[in-house]
């Protein structure tokens, strides 16, 4: 079981992510993914953030067509995570949390 934990702070303004941040602890993959996620989604619409989340998960799980740099930008650096299935949960925890927050869910999210 993954011991990574994070709390996501999300401020929406007229359907756009006005501000986003996180607090937490975890492995390097988990915290770097969360950090890069906050940079990537800030200023995006909810629909754009949801699309990016799906693209990121495809990138690291290797399920479906692999997104390119035009689709995921710097997040492409996580492409190698798919070679280590145990680390996919680390990389996607913040993205699952983002998806839940965008849907208005306030309960804890798990990758288990």
PDB file of N, CA and C in Angstrom:
ATOM      1  N   UNK A   1       0.846  -1.187   0.000  1.00  0.00           N
ATOM      2  CA  UNK A   1       0.000   0.000   0.000  1.00  0.00           C
ATOM      3  C   UNK A   1       0.882   1.238   0.000  1.00  0.00           C
ATOM      4  N   UNK A   2       0.523   2.163  -0.796  1.00  0.00           N
ATOM      5  CA  UNK A   2       1.276   3.409  -0.953  1.00  0.00           C
ATOM      6  C   UNK A   2       1.061   4.302   0.274  1.00  0.00           C
ATOM      7  N   UNK A   3       2.142   4.860   0.806  1.00  0.00           N
ATOM      8  CA  UNK A   3       2.040   5.731   1.969  1.00  0.00           C
ATOM      9  C   UNK A   3       1.976   7.201   1.606  1.00  0.00           C
ATOM     10  N   UNK A   4       1.873   7.500   0.317  1.00  0.00           N
ATOM     11  CA  UNK A   4       1.820   8.889  -0.137  1.00  0.00           C
ATOM     12  C   UNK A   4       0.475   9.503   0.253  1.00  0.00           C
ATOM     13  N   UNK A   5       0.533  10.751   0.701  1.00  0.00           N
ATOM     14  CA  UNK A   5      -0.686  11.485   1.058  1.00  0.00           C
ATOM     15  C   UNK A   5      -0.551  12.913   0.546  1.00  0.00           C
ATOM     16  N   UNK A   6      -1.661  13.436   0.053  1.00  0.00           N
ATOM     17  CA  UNK A   6      -1.651  14.834  -0.340  1.00  0.00           C
ATOM     18  C   UNK A   6      -3.027  15.430  -0.190  1.00  0.00           C
ATOM     19  N   UNK A   7      -3.033  16.712   0.052  1.00  0.00           N
ATOM     20  CA  UNK A   7      -4.256  17.493   0.092  1.00  0.00           C
ATOM     21  C   UNK A   7      -4.157  18.492  -1.042  1.00  0.00           C
ATOM     22  N   UNK A   8      -5.177  18.534  -1.857  1.00  0.00           N
ATOM     23  CA  UNK A   8      -5.197  19.419  -3.022  1.00  0.00           C
ATOM     24  C   UNK A   8      -6.087  20.620  -2.721  1.00  0.00           C
ATOM     25  N   UNK A   9      -5.597  21.794  -3.041  1.00  0.00           N
ATOM     26  CA  UNK A   9      -6.351  23.035  -2.890  1.00  0.00           C
ATOM     27  C   UNK A   9      -6.646  23.557  -4.285  1.00  0.00           C
ATOM     28  N   UNK A  10      -7.918  23.777  -4.555  1.00  0.00           N
ATOM     29  CA  UNK A  10      -8.345  24.142  -5.899  1.00  0.00           C
ATOM     30  C   UNK A  10      -9.318  25.310  -5.830  1.00  0.00           C
ATOM     31  N   UNK A  11      -9.041  26.354  -6.587  1.00  0.00           N
ATOM     32  CA  UNK A  11      -9.940  27.503  -6.649  1.00  0.00           C
ATOM     33  C   UNK A  11     -10.396  27.652  -8.094  1.00  0.00           C
ATOM     34  N   UNK A  12     -11.705  27.547  -8.289  1.00  0.00           N
ATOM     35  CA  UNK A  12     -12.291  27.708  -9.615  1.00  0.00           C
ATOM     36  C   UNK A  12     -12.928  29.087  -9.726  1.00  0.00           C
ATOM     37  N   UNK A  13     -12.819  29.672 -10.893  1.00  0.00           N
ATOM     38  CA  UNK A  13     -13.443  30.959 -11.167  1.00  0.00           C
ATOM     39  C   UNK A  13     -14.026  30.905 -12.565  1.00  0.00           C
ATOM     40  N   UNK A  14     -15.344  30.864 -12.637  1.00  0.00           N
ATOM     41  CA  UNK A  14     -16.059  30.829 -13.911  1.00  0.00           C
ATOM     42  C   UNK A  14     -15.592  29.671 -14.790  1.00  0.00           C
ATOM     43  N   UNK A  15     -15.478  28.495 -14.180  1.00  0.00           N
ATOM     44  CA  UNK A  15     -15.124  27.303 -14.934  1.00  0.00           C
ATOM     45  C   UNK A  15     -13.658  27.160 -15.283  1.00  0.00           C
ATOM     46  N   UNK A  16     -12.829  27.994 -14.693  1.00  0.00           N
ATOM     47  CA  UNK A  16     -11.392  27.962 -14.961  1.00  0.00           C
ATOM     48  C   UNK A  16     -10.652  27.782 -13.636  1.00  0.00           C
ATOM     49  N   UNK A  17      -9.535  27.063 -13.667  1.00  0.00           N
ATOM     50  CA  UNK A  17      -8.740  26.848 -12.467  1.00  0.00           C
ATOM     51  C   UNK A  17      -7.917  28.108 -12.219  1.00  0.00           C
ATOM     52  N   UNK A  18      -8.376  28.895 -11.245  1.00  0.00           N
ATOM     53  CA  UNK A  18      -7.722  30.162 -10.933  1.00  0.00           C
ATOM     54  C   UNK A  18      -6.474  29.951 -10.093  1.00  0.00           C
ATOM     55  N   UNK A  19      -6.526  28.946  -9.212  1.00  0.00           N
ATOM     56  CA  UNK A  19      -5.366  28.657  -8.368  1.00  0.00           C
ATOM     57  C   UNK A  19      -5.432  27.202  -7.955  1.00  0.00           C
ATOM     58  N   UNK A  20      -4.270  26.611  -7.771  1.00  0.00           N
ATOM     59  CA  UNK A  20      -4.188  25.214  -7.370  1.00  0.00           C
ATOM     60  C   UNK A  20      -2.872  25.006  -6.626  1.00  0.00           C
ATOM     61  N   UNK A  21      -2.925  24.181  -5.608  1.00  0.00           N
ATOM     62  CA  UNK A  21      -1.725  23.867  -4.849  1.00  0.00           C
ATOM     63  C   UNK A  21      -1.941  22.574  -4.094  1.00  0.00           C
ATOM     64  N   UNK A  22      -0.892  22.090  -3.457  1.00  0.00           N
ATOM     65  CA  UNK A  22      -1.022  20.866  -2.688  1.00  0.00           C
ATOM     66  C   UNK A  22      -0.085  20.905  -1.496  1.00  0.00           C
ATOM     67  N   UNK A  23      -0.438  20.111  -0.503  1.00  0.00           N
ATOM     68  CA  UNK A  23       0.427  19.845   0.637  1.00  0.00           C
ATOM     69  C   UNK A  23       0.431  18.340   0.810  1.00  0.00           C
ATOM     70  N   UNK A  24       1.546  17.809   1.205  1.00  0.00           N
ATOM     71  CA  UNK A  24       1.575  16.381   1.439  1.00  0.00           C
ATOM     72  C   UNK A  24       2.977  15.847   1.489  1.00  0.00           C
ATOM     73  N   UNK A  25       3.033  14.538   1.539  1.00  0.00           N
ATOM     74  CA  UNK A  25       4.323  13.877   1.545  1.00  0.00           C
ATOM     75  C   UNK A  25       4.211  12.583   0.743  1.00  0.00           C
ATOM     76  N   UNK A  26       5.327  12.182   0.232  1.00  0.00           N
ATOM     77  CA  UNK A  26       5.353  10.951  -0.539  1.00  0.00           C
ATOM     78  C   UNK A  26       6.689  10.798  -1.230  1.00  0.00           C
ATOM     79  N   UNK A  27       6.738   9.852  -2.104  1.00  0.00           N
ATOM     80  CA  UNK A  27       7.972   9.582  -2.840  1.00  0.00           C
ATOM     81  C   UNK A  27       8.226  10.692  -3.861  1.00  0.00           C
ATOM     82  N   UNK A  28       9.387  10.650  -4.456  1.00  0.00           N
ATOM     83  CA  UNK A  28       9.776  11.673  -5.430  1.00  0.00           C
ATOM     84  C   UNK A  28       8.825  11.708  -6.628  1.00  0.00           C
ATOM     85  N   UNK A  29       8.375  10.549  -7.074  1.00  0.00           N
ATOM     86  CA  UNK A  29       7.462  10.515  -8.223  1.00  0.00           C
ATOM     87  C   UNK A  29       6.139  11.168  -7.869  1.00  0.00           C
ATOM     88  N   UNK A  30       5.621  10.864  -6.706  1.00  0.00           N
ATOM     89  CA  UNK A  30       4.344  11.415  -6.269  1.00  0.00           C
ATOM     90  C   UNK A  30       4.403  12.936  -6.127  1.00  0.00           C
ATOM     91  N   UNK A  31       5.417  13.440  -5.454  1.00  0.00           N
ATOM     92  CA  UNK A  31       5.488  14.883  -5.231  1.00  0.00           C
ATOM     93  C   UNK A  31       5.846  15.634  -6.508  1.00  0.00           C
ATOM     94  N   UNK A  32       6.693  15.062  -7.344  1.00  0.00           N
ATOM     95  CA  UNK A  32       7.024  15.762  -8.591  1.00  0.00           C
ATOM     96  C   UNK A  32       5.826  15.767  -9.533  1.00  0.00           C
ATOM     97  N   UNK A  33       5.062  14.686  -9.558  1.00  0.00           N
ATOM     98  CA  UNK A  33       3.865  14.652 -10.378  1.00  0.00           C
ATOM     99  C   UNK A  33       2.867  15.706  -9.912  1.00  0.00           C
ATOM    100  N   UNK A  34       2.679  15.804  -8.593  1.00  0.00           N
ATOM    101  CA  UNK A  34       1.750  16.804  -8.048  1.00  0.00           C
ATOM    102  C   UNK A  34       2.214  18.220  -8.361  1.00  0.00           C
ATOM    103  N   UNK A  35       3.495  18.457  -8.218  1.00  0.00           N
ATOM    104  CA  UNK A  35       4.035  19.784  -8.500  1.00  0.00           C
ATOM    105  C   UNK A  35       3.847  20.160  -9.969  1.00  0.00           C
ATOM    106  N   UNK A  36       4.191  19.248 -10.845  1.00  0.00           N
ATOM    107  CA  UNK A  36       4.054  19.534 -12.276  1.00  0.00           C
ATOM    108  C   UNK A  36       2.590  19.614 -12.689  1.00  0.00           C
ATOM    109  N   UNK A  37       1.728  18.851 -12.024  1.00  0.00           N
ATOM    110  CA  UNK A  37       0.299  18.921 -12.318  1.00  0.00           C
ATOM    111  C   UNK A  37      -0.237  20.311 -12.008  1.00  0.00           C
ATOM    112  N   UNK A  38       0.162  20.869 -10.842  1.00  0.00           N
ATOM    113  CA  UNK A  38      -0.359  22.187 -10.480  1.00  0.00           C
ATOM    114  C   UNK A  38       0.050  23.232 -11.518  1.00  0.00           C
ATOM    115  N   UNK A  39       1.276  23.147 -12.001  1.00  0.00           N
ATOM    116  CA  UNK A  39       1.725  24.071 -13.051  1.00  0.00           C
ATOM    117  C   UNK A  39       0.940  23.878 -14.339  1.00  0.00           C
ATOM    118  N   UNK A  40       0.698  22.618 -14.678  1.00  0.00           N
ATOM    119  CA  UNK A  40       0.069  22.301 -15.957  1.00  0.00           C
ATOM    120  C   UNK A  40      -1.403  22.694 -16.024  1.00  0.00           C
ATOM    121  N   UNK A  41      -2.118  22.625 -14.896  1.00  0.00           N
ATOM    122  CA  UNK A  41      -3.563  22.870 -14.951  1.00  0.00           C
ATOM    123  C   UNK A  41      -3.962  24.294 -14.574  1.00  0.00           C
ATOM    124  N   UNK A  42      -3.085  25.036 -13.940  1.00  0.00           N
ATOM    125  CA  UNK A  42      -3.448  26.399 -13.537  1.00  0.00           C
ATOM    126  C   UNK A  42      -3.782  27.232 -14.776  1.00  0.00           C
ATOM    127  N   UNK A  43      -4.940  27.870 -14.734  1.00  0.00           N
ATOM    128  CA  UNK A  43      -5.396  28.701 -15.840  1.00  0.00           C
ATOM    129  C   UNK A  43      -6.231  27.955 -16.872  1.00  0.00           C
ATOM    130  N   UNK A  44      -6.272  26.637 -16.783  1.00  0.00           N
ATOM    131  CA  UNK A  44      -7.047  25.838 -17.741  1.00  0.00           C
ATOM    132  C   UNK A  44      -8.512  25.787 -17.316  1.00  0.00           C
ATOM    133  N   UNK A  45      -9.360  25.518 -18.282  1.00  0.00           N
ATOM    134  CA  UNK A  45     -10.764  25.291 -17.970  1.00  0.00           C
ATOM    135  C   UNK A  45     -10.886  23.908 -17.337  1.00  0.00           C
ATOM    136  N   UNK A  46     -12.024  23.665 -16.717  1.00  0.00           N
ATOM    137  CA  UNK A  46     -12.265  22.350 -16.125  1.00  0.00           C
ATOM    138  C   UNK A  46     -12.154  21.272 -17.202  1.00  0.00           C
ATOM    139  N   UNK A  47     -12.753  21.503 -18.359  1.00  0.00           N
ATOM    140  CA  UNK A  47     -12.703  20.516 -19.454  1.00  0.00           C
ATOM    141  C   UNK A  47     -11.267  20.274 -19.919  1.00  0.00           C
ATOM    142  N   UNK A  48     -10.470  21.325 -20.013  1.00  0.00           N
ATOM    143  CA  UNK A  48      -9.069  21.166 -20.427  1.00  0.00           C
ATOM    144  C   UNK A  48      -8.283  20.369 -19.400  1.00  0.00           C
ATOM    145  N   UNK A  49      -8.534  20.635 -18.118  1.00  0.00           N
ATOM    146  CA  UNK A  49      -7.839  19.913 -17.048  1.00  0.00           C
ATOM    147  C   UNK A  49      -8.242  18.442 -17.043  1.00  0.00           C
ATOM    148  N   UNK A  50      -9.517  18.169 -17.251  1.00  0.00           N
ATOM    149  CA  UNK A  50      -9.976  16.778 -17.304  1.00  0.00           C
ATOM    150  C   UNK A  50      -9.352  16.045 -18.484  1.00  0.00           C
ATOM    151  N   UNK A  51      -9.252  16.716 -19.605  1.00  0.00           N
ATOM    152  CA  UNK A  51      -8.623  16.117 -20.785  1.00  0.00           C
ATOM    153  C   UNK A  51      -7.145  15.835 -20.534  1.00  0.00           C
ATOM    154  N   UNK A  52      -6.445  16.794 -19.924  1.00  0.00           N
ATOM    155  CA  UNK A  52      -5.031  16.610 -19.609  1.00  0.00           C
ATOM    156  C   UNK A  52      -4.844  15.459 -18.626  1.00  0.00           C
ATOM    157  N   UNK A  53      -5.738  15.340 -17.659  1.00  0.00           N
ATOM    158  CA  UNK A  53      -5.671  14.251 -16.692  1.00  0.00           C
ATOM    159  C   UNK A  53      -5.781  12.901 -17.398  1.00  0.00           C
ATOM    160  N   UNK A  54      -6.717  12.793 -18.311  1.00  0.00           N
ATOM    161  CA  UNK A  54      -6.866  11.550 -19.066  1.00  0.00           C
ATOM    162  C   UNK A  54      -5.642  11.249 -19.907  1.00  0.00           C
ATOM    163  N   UNK A  55      -5.085  12.265 -20.520  1.00  0.00           N
ATOM    164  CA  UNK A  55      -3.874  12.091 -21.329  1.00  0.00           C
ATOM    165  C   UNK A  55      -2.704  11.646 -20.471  1.00  0.00           C
ATOM    166  N   UNK A  56      -2.583  12.230 -19.288  1.00  0.00           N
ATOM    167  CA  UNK A  56      -1.490  11.852 -18.395  1.00  0.00           C
ATOM    168  C   UNK A  56      -1.630  10.392 -17.972  1.00  0.00           C
ATOM    169  N   UNK A  57      -2.838   9.995 -17.619  1.00  0.00           N
ATOM    170  CA  UNK A  57      -3.039   8.601 -17.207  1.00  0.00           C
ATOM    171  C   UNK A  57      -2.738   7.643 -18.355  1.00  0.00           C
ATOM    172  N   UNK A  58      -3.104   8.005 -19.583  1.00  0.00           N
ATOM    173  CA  UNK A  58      -2.752   7.167 -20.742  1.00  0.00           C
ATOM    174  C   UNK A  58      -1.244   7.069 -20.888  1.00  0.00           C
ATOM    175  N   UNK A  59      -0.552   8.177 -20.644  1.00  0.00           N
ATOM    176  CA  UNK A  59       0.906   8.213 -20.757  1.00  0.00           C
ATOM    177  C   UNK A  59       1.559   7.231 -19.795  1.00  0.00           C
ATOM    178  N   UNK A  60       1.150   7.257 -18.538  1.00  0.00           N
ATOM    179  CA  UNK A  60       1.845   6.442 -17.537  1.00  0.00           C
ATOM    180  C   UNK A  60       1.324   5.014 -17.444  1.00  0.00           C
ATOM    181  N   UNK A  61       0.081   4.773 -17.854  1.00  0.00           N
ATOM    182  CA  UNK A  61      -0.447   3.408 -17.804  1.00  0.00           C
ATOM    183  C   UNK A  61      -0.229   2.677 -19.120  1.00  0.00           C
ATOM    184  N   UNK A  62       0.075   3.434 -20.158  1.00  0.00           N
ATOM    185  CA  UNK A  62       0.283   2.867 -21.495  1.00  0.00           C
ATOM    186  C   UNK A  62      -0.966   2.156 -22.010  1.00  0.00           C
ATOM    187  N   UNK A  63      -2.117   2.710 -21.645  1.00  0.00           N
ATOM    188  CA  UNK A  63      -3.390   2.196 -22.131  1.00  0.00           C
ATOM    189  C   UNK A  63      -3.948   3.206 -23.113  1.00  0.00           C
ATOM    190  N   UNK A  64      -4.073   2.796 -24.345  1.00  0.00           N
ATOM    191  CA  UNK A  64      -4.553   3.689 -25.381  1.00  0.00           C
ATOM    192  C   UNK A  64      -3.393   4.370 -26.069  1.00  0.00           C
ATOM    193  N   UNK A  65      -3.719   5.214 -27.029  1.00  0.00           N
ATOM    194  CA  UNK A  65      -2.652   5.887 -27.782  1.00  0.00           C
ATOM    195  C   UNK A  65      -1.833   6.818 -26.886  1.00  0.00           C
ATOM    196  N   UNK A  66      -0.531   6.736 -27.030  1.00  0.00           N
ATOM    197  CA  UNK A  66       0.363   7.562 -26.213  1.00  0.00           C
ATOM    198  C   UNK A  66       0.262   9.024 -26.635  1.00  0.00           C
ATOM    199  N   UNK A  67       0.063   9.913 -25.678  1.00  0.00           N
ATOM    200  CA  UNK A  67       0.025  11.337 -26.017  1.00  0.00           C
ATOM    201  C   UNK A  67       1.430  11.844 -26.336  1.00  0.00           C
ATOM    202  N   UNK A  68       1.490  12.859 -27.156  1.00  0.00           N
ATOM    203  CA  UNK A  68       2.768  13.469 -27.498  1.00  0.00           C
ATOM    204  C   UNK A  68       3.001  14.736 -26.707  1.00  0.00           C
ATOM    205  N   UNK A  69       4.138  15.373 -26.973  1.00  0.00           N
ATOM    206  CA  UNK A  69       4.510  16.589 -26.249  1.00  0.00           C
ATOM    207  C   UNK A  69       3.483  17.707 -26.444  1.00  0.00           C
ATOM    208  N   UNK A  70       2.894  17.783 -27.624  1.00  0.00           N
ATOM    209  CA  UNK A  70       1.890  18.823 -27.860  1.00  0.00           C
ATOM    210  C   UNK A  70       0.684  18.657 -26.936  1.00  0.00           C
ATOM    211  N   UNK A  71       0.420  17.427 -26.539  1.00  0.00           N
ATOM    212  CA  UNK A  71      -0.752  17.145 -25.702  1.00  0.00           C
ATOM    213  C   UNK A  71      -0.453  17.268 -24.213  1.00  0.00           C
ATOM    214  N   UNK A  72       0.747  16.845 -23.773  1.00  0.00           N
ATOM    215  CA  UNK A  72       1.042  16.830 -22.334  1.00  0.00           C
ATOM    216  C   UNK A  72       2.210  17.710 -21.926  1.00  0.00           C
ATOM    217  N   UNK A  73       2.926  18.270 -22.872  1.00  0.00           N
ATOM    218  CA  UNK A  73       4.027  19.177 -22.551  1.00  0.00           C
ATOM    219  C   UNK A  73       5.109  18.518 -21.714  1.00  0.00           C
ATOM    220  N   UNK A  74       5.555  19.222 -20.668  1.00  0.00           N
ATOM    221  CA  UNK A  74       6.635  18.736 -19.804  1.00  0.00           C
ATOM    222  C   UNK A  74       6.288  17.432 -19.093  1.00  0.00           C
ATOM    223  N   UNK A  75       5.006  17.138 -18.981  1.00  0.00           N
ATOM    224  CA  UNK A  75       4.579  15.909 -18.308  1.00  0.00           C
ATOM    225  C   UNK A  75       5.052  14.665 -19.055  1.00  0.00           C
ATOM    226  N   UNK A  76       5.497  14.831 -20.267  1.00  0.00           N
ATOM    227  CA  UNK A  76       6.035  13.720 -21.051  1.00  0.00           C
ATOM    228  C   UNK A  76       7.208  13.053 -20.323  1.00  0.00           C
ATOM    229  N   UNK A  77       7.842  13.781 -19.420  1.00  0.00           N
ATOM    230  CA  UNK A  77       8.954  13.232 -18.640  1.00  0.00           C
ATOM    231  C   UNK A  77       8.529  12.019 -17.813  1.00  0.00           C
ATOM    232  N   UNK A  78       7.235  11.867 -17.551  1.00  0.00           N
ATOM    233  CA  UNK A  78       6.745  10.737 -16.777  1.00  0.00           C
ATOM    234  C   UNK A  78       6.466   9.504 -17.635  1.00  0.00           C
ATOM    235  N   UNK A  79       6.771   9.557 -18.896  1.00  0.00           N
ATOM    236  CA  UNK A  79       6.501   8.442 -19.800  1.00  0.00           C
ATOM    237  C   UNK A  79       7.144   7.135 -19.381  1.00  0.00           C
ATOM    238  N   UNK A  80       8.290   7.189 -18.740  1.00  0.00           N
ATOM    239  CA  UNK A  80       8.982   5.977 -18.310  1.00  0.00           C
ATOM    240  C   UNK A  80       8.374   5.303 -17.103  1.00  0.00           C
ATOM    241  N   UNK A  81       7.472   5.982 -16.402  1.00  0.00           N
ATOM    242  CA  UNK A  81       6.858   5.410 -15.204  1.00  0.00           C
ATOM    243  C   UNK A  81       6.106   4.122 -15.548  1.00  0.00           C
ATOM    244  N   UNK A  82       5.567   4.037 -16.745  1.00  0.00           N
ATOM    245  CA  UNK A  82       4.813   2.856 -17.159  1.00  0.00           C
ATOM    246  C   UNK A  82       5.629   1.575 -17.132  1.00  0.00           C
ATOM    247  N   UNK A  83       6.945   1.689 -17.156  1.00  0.00           N
ATOM    248  CA  UNK A  83       7.804   0.507 -17.076  1.00  0.00           C
ATOM    249  C   UNK A  83       7.828  -0.077 -15.672  1.00  0.00           C
ATOM    250  N   UNK A  84       7.328   0.671 -14.707  1.00  0.00           N
ATOM    251  CA  UNK A  84       7.327   0.253 -13.303  1.00  0.00           C
ATOM    252  C   UNK A  84       5.899   0.351 -12.769  1.00  0.00           C
ATOM    253  N   UNK A  85       5.088  -0.681 -13.006  1.00  0.00           N
ATOM    254  CA  UNK A  85       3.667  -0.611 -12.631  1.00  0.00           C
ATOM    255  C   UNK A  85       3.403  -0.204 -11.189  1.00  0.00           C
ATOM    256  N   UNK A  86       4.276  -0.566 -10.267  1.00  0.00           N
ATOM    257  CA  UNK A  86       4.073  -0.180  -8.871  1.00  0.00           C
ATOM    258  C   UNK A  86       4.181   1.332  -8.679  1.00  0.00           C
ATOM    259  N   UNK A  87       4.846   2.021  -9.574  1.00  0.00           N
ATOM    260  CA  UNK A  87       5.034   3.471  -9.450  1.00  0.00           C
ATOM    261  C   UNK A  87       3.933   4.271 -10.157  1.00  0.00           C
ATOM    262  N   UNK A  88       3.126   3.610 -10.959  1.00  0.00           N
ATOM    263  CA  UNK A  88       2.037   4.305 -11.646  1.00  0.00           C
ATOM    264  C   UNK A  88       1.087   4.922 -10.630  1.00  0.00           C
ATOM    265  N   UNK A  89       0.818   4.212  -9.540  1.00  0.00           N
ATOM    266  CA  UNK A  89      -0.062   4.749  -8.500  1.00  0.00           C
ATOM    267  C   UNK A  89       0.512   6.030  -7.903  1.00  0.00           C
ATOM    268  N   UNK A  90       1.815   6.057  -7.744  1.00  0.00           N
ATOM    269  CA  UNK A  90       2.474   7.249  -7.200  1.00  0.00           C
ATOM    270  C   UNK A  90       2.272   8.451  -8.126  1.00  0.00           C
ATOM    271  N   UNK A  91       2.466   8.211  -9.414  1.00  0.00           N
ATOM    272  CA  UNK A  91       2.374   9.294 -10.395  1.00  0.00           C
ATOM    273  C   UNK A  91       0.951   9.781 -10.605  1.00  0.00           C
ATOM    274  N   UNK A  92      -0.033   8.898 -10.397  1.00  0.00           N
ATOM    275  CA  UNK A  92      -1.418   9.269 -10.711  1.00  0.00           C
ATOM    276  C   UNK A  92      -2.250   9.708  -9.512  1.00  0.00           C
ATOM    277  N   UNK A  93      -1.726   9.558  -8.298  1.00  0.00           N
ATOM    278  CA  UNK A  93      -2.512   9.925  -7.113  1.00  0.00           C
ATOM    279  C   UNK A  93      -3.046  11.352  -7.197  1.00  0.00           C
ATOM    280  N   UNK A  94      -2.191  12.295  -7.508  1.00  0.00           N
ATOM    281  CA  UNK A  94      -2.636  13.700  -7.563  1.00  0.00           C
ATOM    282  C   UNK A  94      -3.659  13.927  -8.673  1.00  0.00           C
ATOM    283  N   UNK A  95      -3.514  13.192  -9.768  1.00  0.00           N
ATOM    284  CA  UNK A  95      -4.452  13.344 -10.886  1.00  0.00           C
ATOM    285  C   UNK A  95      -5.824  12.790 -10.531  1.00  0.00           C
ATOM    286  N   UNK A  96      -5.864  11.659  -9.817  1.00  0.00           N
ATOM    287  CA  UNK A  96      -7.151  11.129  -9.338  1.00  0.00           C
ATOM    288  C   UNK A  96      -7.781  12.120  -8.358  1.00  0.00           C
ATOM    289  N   UNK A  97      -6.962  12.729  -7.530  1.00  0.00           N
ATOM    290  CA  UNK A  97      -7.443  13.717  -6.571  1.00  0.00           C
ATOM    291  C   UNK A  97      -7.994  14.945  -7.297  1.00  0.00           C
ATOM    292  N   UNK A  98      -7.298  15.387  -8.330  1.00  0.00           N
ATOM    293  CA  UNK A  98      -7.778  16.514  -9.132  1.00  0.00           C
ATOM    294  C   UNK A  98      -9.130  16.188  -9.763  1.00  0.00           C
ATOM    295  N   UNK A  99      -9.238  15.013 -10.360  1.00  0.00           N
ATOM    296  CA  UNK A  99     -10.505  14.624 -10.998  1.00  0.00           C
ATOM    297  C   UNK A  99     -11.654  14.645  -9.993  1.00  0.00           C
ATOM    298  N   UNK A 100     -11.407  14.114  -8.794  1.00  0.00           N
ATOM    299  CA  UNK A 100     -12.448  14.106  -7.757  1.00  0.00           C
ATOM    300  C   UNK A 100     -12.822  15.538  -7.357  1.00  0.00           C
ATOM    301  N   UNK A 101     -11.824  16.395  -7.198  1.00  0.00           N
ATOM    302  CA  UNK A 101     -12.085  17.791  -6.823  1.00  0.00           C
ATOM    303  C   UNK A 101     -12.883  18.518  -7.902  1.00  0.00           C
ATOM    304  N   UNK A 102     -12.563  18.256  -9.161  1.00  0.00           N
ATOM    305  CA  UNK A 102     -13.287  18.911 -10.262  1.00  0.00           C
ATOM    306  C   UNK A 102     -14.743  18.453 -10.321  1.00  0.00           C
ATOM    307  N   UNK A 103     -15.004  17.254  -9.803  1.00  0.00           N
ATOM    308  CA  UNK A 103     -16.378  16.736  -9.752  1.00  0.00           C
ATOM    309  C   UNK A 103     -17.068  17.114  -8.447  1.00  0.00           C
ATOM    310  N   UNK A 104     -16.371  17.892  -7.593  1.00  0.00           N
ATOM    311  CA  UNK A 104     -16.968  18.368  -6.357  1.00  0.00           C
ATOM    312  C   UNK A 104     -16.953  17.355  -5.228  1.00  0.00           C
ATOM    313  N   UNK A 105     -16.147  16.311  -5.350  1.00  0.00           N
ATOM    314  CA  UNK A 105     -16.079  15.297  -4.287  1.00  0.00           C
ATOM    315  C   UNK A 105     -15.065  15.735  -3.245  1.00  0.00           C
ATOM    316  N   UNK A 106     -15.471  15.630  -2.000  1.00  0.00           N
ATOM    317  CA  UNK A 106     -14.638  16.090  -0.886  1.00  0.00           C
ATOM    318  C   UNK A 106     -14.139  14.946  -0.017  1.00  0.00           C
ATOM    319  N   UNK A 107     -14.274  13.705  -0.500  1.00  0.00           N
ATOM    320  CA  UNK A 107     -13.825  12.545   0.255  1.00  0.00           C
ATOM    321  C   UNK A 107     -12.403  12.168  -0.159  1.00  0.00           C
ATOM    322  N   UNK A 108     -11.711  11.447   0.706  1.00  0.00           N
ATOM    323  CA  UNK A 108     -10.358  10.990   0.358  1.00  0.00           C
ATOM    324  C   UNK A 108     -10.363  10.123  -0.911  1.00  0.00           C
ATOM    325  N   UNK A 109      -9.288  10.215  -1.659  1.00  0.00           N
ATOM    326  CA  UNK A 109      -9.132   9.465  -2.901  1.00  0.00           C
ATOM    327  C   UNK A 109      -8.011   8.466  -2.686  1.00  0.00           C
ATOM    328  N   UNK A 110      -8.171   7.291  -3.249  1.00  0.00           N
ATOM    329  CA  UNK A 110      -7.140   6.268  -3.134  1.00  0.00           C
ATOM    330  C   UNK A 110      -6.860   5.680  -4.511  1.00  0.00           C
ATOM    331  N   UNK A 111      -5.636   5.242  -4.708  1.00  0.00           N
ATOM    332  CA  UNK A 111      -5.301   4.553  -5.957  1.00  0.00           C
ATOM    333  C   UNK A 111      -5.337   3.041  -5.759  1.00  0.00           C
ATOM    334  N   UNK A 112      -5.753   2.608  -4.591  1.00  0.00           N
ATOM    335  CA  UNK A 112      -5.838   1.167  -4.285  1.00  0.00           C
ATOM    336  C   UNK A 112      -7.101   0.596  -4.876  1.00  0.00           C
TER     337      UNK A 112
END
